[in-house]
C-alpha cells in the first residue's frame, strides 16, 4: 500500500496518509498572540483545511491528541471544541499538559482521520 505525503520535507509532511487514514498536526499559525480560545479556533480552522486536502471533514475524525501548556485553559478549550462539533460526531481524544516548541503556542493538536476514496 502506498503512503501519501502532502507537502513533504526532510523534517515532516503536512499530512501523511496510509491505508485511508490521515495523520496531521496543527499549531496556531496566523496569530500566536491570541488567547486560548483564539488559538484553538485557529487550529480547528486549519484542521478543516487539512481535512479537505484528503477529501474528509471533521465528522470523519477518529482521534485527536491535544497538547495544552496550561490546564487553566482546559474549560476555554472545551468551549470552542464543543461548539465546533455537532452532537454525536466528536472523536476519541486525549488532552496532555506539555511544553511546546514555540513558547507562544498555548495549544497543539495531532489529528487522525478517515481520508476519502482518493487516498
N, C-alpha and C. Protein backbone atom coordinates (compact mmCIF):
# COMPACT_ATOMS: atom_id res chain seq x y z
N UNK A 1 0.85 -1.18 0.00
CA UNK A 1 0.00 0.00 0.00
C UNK A 1 0.89 1.24 0.00
N UNK A 2 0.43 2.22 -0.74
CA UNK A 2 1.19 3.44 -0.89
C UNK A 2 0.99 4.38 0.29
N UNK A 3 2.05 5.09 0.66
CA UNK A 3 1.98 6.16 1.66
C UNK A 3 1.91 7.47 0.88
N UNK A 4 0.88 8.28 1.14
CA UNK A 4 0.74 9.59 0.52
C UNK A 4 1.27 10.63 1.51
N UNK A 5 2.17 11.47 1.03
CA UNK A 5 2.70 12.56 1.86
C UNK A 5 2.35 13.87 1.18
N UNK A 6 1.67 14.74 1.89
CA UNK A 6 1.28 16.04 1.36
C UNK A 6 2.26 17.08 1.89
N UNK A 7 2.87 17.81 0.97
CA UNK A 7 3.90 18.82 1.29
C UNK A 7 5.02 18.24 2.15
N UNK A 8 5.66 17.19 1.66
CA UNK A 8 6.74 16.58 2.45
C UNK A 8 7.99 17.43 2.43
N UNK A 9 8.73 17.37 3.52
CA UNK A 9 10.06 17.97 3.61
C UNK A 9 10.95 16.95 4.29
N UNK A 10 12.16 17.31 4.51
CA UNK A 10 13.08 16.39 5.18
C UNK A 10 12.63 16.13 6.63
N UNK A 11 12.08 17.15 7.28
CA UNK A 11 11.72 17.04 8.69
C UNK A 11 10.32 16.51 8.94
N UNK A 12 9.33 16.89 8.11
CA UNK A 12 7.96 16.41 8.29
C UNK A 12 7.16 16.60 7.01
N UNK A 13 5.99 15.98 6.99
CA UNK A 13 4.98 16.20 5.95
C UNK A 13 3.79 16.88 6.61
N UNK A 14 3.11 17.74 5.85
CA UNK A 14 1.92 18.38 6.42
C UNK A 14 0.86 17.35 6.79
N UNK A 15 0.69 16.36 5.91
CA UNK A 15 -0.27 15.27 6.15
C UNK A 15 0.34 13.99 5.62
N UNK A 16 0.17 12.91 6.37
CA UNK A 16 0.60 11.60 5.91
C UNK A 16 -0.62 10.69 5.91
N UNK A 17 -0.83 10.00 4.78
CA UNK A 17 -1.99 9.11 4.67
C UNK A 17 -1.52 7.72 4.32
N UNK A 18 -1.98 6.75 5.10
CA UNK A 18 -1.70 5.35 4.83
C UNK A 18 -2.98 4.56 5.07
N UNK A 19 -3.32 3.71 4.13
CA UNK A 19 -4.49 2.84 4.27
C UNK A 19 -5.76 3.65 4.58
N UNK A 20 -5.88 4.81 3.91
CA UNK A 20 -7.03 5.71 4.04
C UNK A 20 -7.16 6.35 5.42
N UNK A 21 -6.07 6.36 6.19
CA UNK A 21 -6.05 7.03 7.48
C UNK A 21 -5.05 8.18 7.40
N UNK A 22 -5.52 9.40 7.66
CA UNK A 22 -4.69 10.60 7.58
C UNK A 22 -4.22 11.02 8.97
N UNK A 23 -2.97 11.43 9.03
CA UNK A 23 -2.36 11.93 10.27
C UNK A 23 -1.80 13.32 9.98
N UNK A 24 -2.10 14.27 10.85
CA UNK A 24 -1.53 15.61 10.71
C UNK A 24 -1.58 16.35 12.04
N UNK A 25 -0.77 17.39 12.13
CA UNK A 25 -0.66 18.18 13.35
C UNK A 25 -0.91 19.64 13.00
N UNK A 26 -1.60 20.34 13.88
CA UNK A 26 -1.85 21.76 13.68
C UNK A 26 -1.44 22.55 14.91
N UNK A 27 -0.82 23.70 14.66
CA UNK A 27 -0.49 24.69 15.68
C UNK A 27 -1.07 26.02 15.20
N UNK A 28 -1.29 26.98 16.10
CA UNK A 28 -1.83 28.27 15.66
C UNK A 28 -0.81 29.00 14.80
N UNK A 29 -1.11 29.17 13.52
CA UNK A 29 -0.14 29.75 12.59
C UNK A 29 -0.35 31.24 12.34
N UNK A 30 -1.58 31.72 12.39
CA UNK A 30 -1.82 33.09 11.97
C UNK A 30 -1.68 34.12 13.08
N UNK A 31 -1.96 33.76 14.33
CA UNK A 31 -1.90 34.74 15.42
C UNK A 31 -1.51 34.04 16.72
N UNK A 32 -0.22 33.94 16.96
CA UNK A 32 0.23 33.28 18.19
C UNK A 32 0.03 34.18 19.41
N UNK A 33 -0.36 35.42 19.20
CA UNK A 33 -0.66 36.31 20.32
C UNK A 33 -2.08 36.19 20.81
N UNK A 34 -2.89 35.39 20.14
CA UNK A 34 -4.29 35.21 20.53
C UNK A 34 -4.38 34.46 21.85
N UNK A 35 -5.51 34.64 22.55
CA UNK A 35 -5.75 33.88 23.78
C UNK A 35 -6.07 32.43 23.41
N UNK A 36 -6.32 31.60 24.40
CA UNK A 36 -6.52 30.18 24.15
C UNK A 36 -7.71 29.94 23.21
N UNK A 37 -8.80 30.67 23.38
CA UNK A 37 -9.95 30.47 22.50
C UNK A 37 -9.58 30.80 21.06
N UNK A 38 -8.85 31.87 20.88
CA UNK A 38 -8.42 32.25 19.54
C UNK A 38 -7.48 31.24 18.92
N UNK A 39 -6.54 30.72 19.72
CA UNK A 39 -5.61 29.72 19.19
C UNK A 39 -6.32 28.41 18.87
N UNK A 40 -7.24 27.99 19.72
CA UNK A 40 -7.99 26.76 19.44
C UNK A 40 -8.82 26.93 18.17
N UNK A 41 -9.47 28.07 18.01
CA UNK A 41 -10.25 28.33 16.80
C UNK A 41 -9.37 28.28 15.56
N UNK A 42 -8.17 28.85 15.64
CA UNK A 42 -7.23 28.79 14.51
C UNK A 42 -6.88 27.35 14.17
N UNK A 43 -6.53 26.58 15.18
CA UNK A 43 -6.13 25.19 14.97
C UNK A 43 -7.27 24.39 14.34
N UNK A 44 -8.48 24.58 14.82
CA UNK A 44 -9.62 23.84 14.27
C UNK A 44 -9.93 24.28 12.84
N UNK A 45 -9.80 25.56 12.55
CA UNK A 45 -9.99 26.04 11.19
C UNK A 45 -8.93 25.46 10.24
N UNK A 46 -7.69 25.45 10.68
CA UNK A 46 -6.62 24.84 9.89
C UNK A 46 -6.87 23.35 9.70
N UNK A 47 -7.39 22.69 10.72
CA UNK A 47 -7.70 21.27 10.61
C UNK A 47 -8.75 21.03 9.53
N UNK A 48 -9.74 21.89 9.46
CA UNK A 48 -10.76 21.75 8.40
C UNK A 48 -10.12 21.83 7.03
N UNK A 49 -9.18 22.76 6.86
CA UNK A 49 -8.48 22.89 5.57
C UNK A 49 -7.65 21.65 5.27
N UNK A 50 -6.98 21.11 6.29
CA UNK A 50 -6.19 19.89 6.09
C UNK A 50 -7.09 18.71 5.76
N UNK A 51 -8.20 18.59 6.44
CA UNK A 51 -9.15 17.51 6.16
C UNK A 51 -9.65 17.58 4.72
N UNK A 52 -9.91 18.78 4.24
CA UNK A 52 -10.38 18.94 2.86
C UNK A 52 -9.34 18.44 1.86
N UNK A 53 -8.06 18.59 2.19
CA UNK A 53 -6.99 18.13 1.29
C UNK A 53 -6.98 16.62 1.12
N UNK A 54 -7.58 15.90 2.06
CA UNK A 54 -7.65 14.44 1.96
C UNK A 54 -9.09 13.97 1.78
N UNK A 55 -9.91 14.86 1.21
CA UNK A 55 -11.30 14.55 0.91
C UNK A 55 -12.04 14.03 2.15
N UNK A 56 -11.90 14.79 3.25
CA UNK A 56 -12.51 14.39 4.51
C UNK A 56 -13.11 15.62 5.17
N UNK A 57 -13.67 15.44 6.35
CA UNK A 57 -14.21 16.56 7.12
C UNK A 57 -14.21 16.18 8.60
N UNK A 58 -14.60 17.12 9.45
CA UNK A 58 -14.48 16.90 10.90
C UNK A 58 -15.37 15.75 11.41
N UNK A 59 -16.39 15.36 10.67
CA UNK A 59 -17.21 14.23 11.10
C UNK A 59 -16.48 12.91 10.92
N UNK A 60 -15.34 12.93 10.20
CA UNK A 60 -14.57 11.71 9.94
C UNK A 60 -13.30 11.65 10.79
N UNK A 61 -13.20 12.55 11.78
CA UNK A 61 -12.07 12.47 12.70
C UNK A 61 -12.20 11.24 13.58
N UNK A 62 -11.10 10.52 13.73
CA UNK A 62 -11.08 9.31 14.55
C UNK A 62 -10.55 9.59 15.95
N UNK A 63 -9.49 10.40 16.02
CA UNK A 63 -8.95 10.76 17.33
C UNK A 63 -8.15 12.06 17.22
N UNK A 64 -8.04 12.74 18.35
CA UNK A 64 -7.25 13.96 18.44
C UNK A 64 -6.50 13.92 19.77
N UNK A 65 -5.21 14.19 19.70
CA UNK A 65 -4.42 14.38 20.92
C UNK A 65 -4.17 15.88 21.04
N UNK A 66 -4.58 16.44 22.16
CA UNK A 66 -4.47 17.87 22.41
C UNK A 66 -3.35 18.09 23.41
N UNK A 67 -2.45 19.00 23.07
CA UNK A 67 -1.35 19.38 23.95
C UNK A 67 -1.61 20.80 24.42
N UNK A 68 -1.83 20.97 25.72
CA UNK A 68 -2.09 22.27 26.33
C UNK A 68 -0.89 22.66 27.20
N UNK A 69 -0.53 23.92 27.17
CA UNK A 69 0.57 24.36 28.02
C UNK A 69 0.12 24.62 29.45
N UNK A 70 -1.19 24.81 29.65
CA UNK A 70 -1.70 25.15 30.97
C UNK A 70 -3.12 24.61 31.11
N UNK A 71 -3.34 23.74 32.08
CA UNK A 71 -4.68 23.18 32.28
C UNK A 71 -5.68 24.23 32.77
N UNK A 72 -5.22 25.42 33.13
CA UNK A 72 -6.15 26.51 33.44
C UNK A 72 -6.95 26.89 32.19
N UNK A 73 -6.46 26.52 31.01
CA UNK A 73 -7.14 26.82 29.75
C UNK A 73 -8.08 25.70 29.29
N UNK A 74 -8.21 24.65 30.10
CA UNK A 74 -8.99 23.48 29.71
C UNK A 74 -10.46 23.81 29.42
N UNK A 75 -11.10 24.58 30.29
CA UNK A 75 -12.52 24.90 30.10
C UNK A 75 -12.74 25.75 28.85
N UNK A 76 -11.85 26.71 28.60
CA UNK A 76 -11.96 27.55 27.40
C UNK A 76 -11.74 26.71 26.14
N UNK A 77 -10.78 25.80 26.19
CA UNK A 77 -10.56 24.87 25.07
C UNK A 77 -11.85 24.11 24.79
N UNK A 78 -12.45 23.54 25.82
CA UNK A 78 -13.67 22.74 25.65
C UNK A 78 -14.82 23.56 25.10
N UNK A 79 -14.90 24.82 25.46
CA UNK A 79 -15.97 25.68 24.96
C UNK A 79 -15.90 25.81 23.43
N UNK A 80 -14.70 26.07 22.92
CA UNK A 80 -14.52 26.19 21.47
C UNK A 80 -14.68 24.83 20.81
N UNK A 81 -14.10 23.81 21.41
CA UNK A 81 -14.18 22.43 20.89
C UNK A 81 -15.63 21.99 20.75
N UNK A 82 -16.41 22.15 21.83
CA UNK A 82 -17.80 21.70 21.83
C UNK A 82 -18.64 22.43 20.78
N UNK A 83 -18.35 23.70 20.55
CA UNK A 83 -19.08 24.47 19.55
C UNK A 83 -18.73 24.02 18.13
N UNK A 84 -17.55 23.45 17.94
CA UNK A 84 -17.08 23.04 16.60
C UNK A 84 -17.74 21.75 16.13
N UNK A 85 -18.03 20.85 17.05
CA UNK A 85 -18.60 19.55 16.69
C UNK A 85 -20.11 19.54 16.85
N UNK A 86 -20.77 18.82 15.92
CA UNK A 86 -22.19 18.57 16.09
C UNK A 86 -22.34 17.39 17.04
N UNK A 87 -23.46 17.33 17.70
CA UNK A 87 -23.73 16.26 18.67
C UNK A 87 -23.49 14.89 18.04
N UNK A 88 -22.75 14.05 18.74
CA UNK A 88 -22.53 12.68 18.29
C UNK A 88 -21.41 12.49 17.29
N UNK A 89 -20.64 13.56 16.98
CA UNK A 89 -19.58 13.42 15.98
C UNK A 89 -18.18 13.62 16.56
N UNK A 90 -18.08 13.81 17.86
CA UNK A 90 -16.76 14.02 18.47
C UNK A 90 -15.90 12.77 18.40
N UNK A 91 -14.60 12.94 18.13
CA UNK A 91 -13.69 11.79 18.06
C UNK A 91 -13.20 11.39 19.45
N UNK A 92 -12.47 10.29 19.53
CA UNK A 92 -11.73 9.98 20.75
C UNK A 92 -10.73 11.11 20.95
N UNK A 93 -10.39 11.39 22.19
CA UNK A 93 -9.40 12.43 22.39
C UNK A 93 -8.66 12.23 23.69
N UNK A 94 -7.45 12.76 23.70
CA UNK A 94 -6.64 12.82 24.91
C UNK A 94 -6.15 14.25 25.03
N UNK A 95 -6.00 14.71 26.26
CA UNK A 95 -5.51 16.06 26.50
C UNK A 95 -4.33 15.96 27.46
N UNK A 96 -3.19 16.50 27.03
CA UNK A 96 -1.95 16.35 27.77
C UNK A 96 -1.37 17.74 28.04
N UNK A 97 -0.87 17.95 29.24
CA UNK A 97 -0.14 19.18 29.53
C UNK A 97 1.29 19.01 29.03
N UNK A 98 1.75 20.00 28.25
CA UNK A 98 3.07 19.86 27.63
C UNK A 98 3.72 21.23 27.43
N UNK A 99 5.04 21.23 27.39
CA UNK A 99 5.78 22.40 26.97
C UNK A 99 5.94 22.28 25.45
N UNK A 100 5.50 23.30 24.72
CA UNK A 100 5.54 23.24 23.27
C UNK A 100 6.79 23.93 22.72
N UNK A 101 7.14 23.60 21.48
CA UNK A 101 8.38 24.09 20.86
C UNK A 101 8.44 25.61 20.79
N UNK A 102 7.31 26.24 20.50
CA UNK A 102 7.24 27.70 20.45
C UNK A 102 6.55 28.16 21.72
N UNK A 103 7.20 28.98 22.55
CA UNK A 103 6.58 29.39 23.82
C UNK A 103 5.32 30.24 23.64
N UNK A 104 5.06 30.74 22.43
CA UNK A 104 3.82 31.49 22.19
C UNK A 104 2.62 30.58 21.94
N UNK A 105 2.88 29.32 21.61
CA UNK A 105 1.79 28.38 21.41
C UNK A 105 1.17 28.01 22.75
N UNK A 106 -0.14 28.08 22.82
CA UNK A 106 -0.87 27.63 24.00
C UNK A 106 -1.44 26.24 23.79
N UNK A 107 -1.53 25.81 22.51
CA UNK A 107 -2.15 24.54 22.16
C UNK A 107 -1.54 24.00 20.87
N UNK A 108 -1.50 22.69 20.78
CA UNK A 108 -1.12 21.96 19.56
C UNK A 108 -2.01 20.74 19.52
N UNK A 109 -2.42 20.33 18.32
CA UNK A 109 -3.30 19.17 18.21
C UNK A 109 -2.80 18.23 17.13
N UNK A 110 -2.81 16.94 17.44
CA UNK A 110 -2.46 15.88 16.49
C UNK A 110 -3.75 15.15 16.13
N UNK A 111 -4.07 15.13 14.84
CA UNK A 111 -5.32 14.59 14.33
C UNK A 111 -5.11 13.29 13.58
N UNK A 112 -6.08 12.39 13.69
CA UNK A 112 -6.15 11.16 12.90
C UNK A 112 -7.56 11.12 12.33
N UNK A 113 -7.65 10.95 10.99
CA UNK A 113 -8.97 10.98 10.34
C UNK A 113 -9.06 9.96 9.23
N UNK A 114 -10.28 9.57 8.93
CA UNK A 114 -10.54 8.73 7.77
C UNK A 114 -10.46 9.61 6.53
N UNK A 115 -9.61 9.25 5.58
CA UNK A 115 -9.45 10.01 4.34
C UNK A 115 -10.48 9.51 3.32
N UNK A 116 -10.67 10.32 2.27
CA UNK A 116 -11.61 9.97 1.22
C UNK A 116 -11.09 8.90 0.29
N UNK A 117 -11.88 8.59 -0.71
CA UNK A 117 -11.58 7.49 -1.63
C UNK A 117 -10.30 7.65 -2.43
N UNK A 118 -9.86 8.86 -2.69
CA UNK A 118 -8.65 9.08 -3.48
C UNK A 118 -7.37 8.73 -2.76
N UNK A 119 -7.48 8.30 -1.54
CA UNK A 119 -6.29 8.02 -0.75
C UNK A 119 -6.30 6.58 -0.30
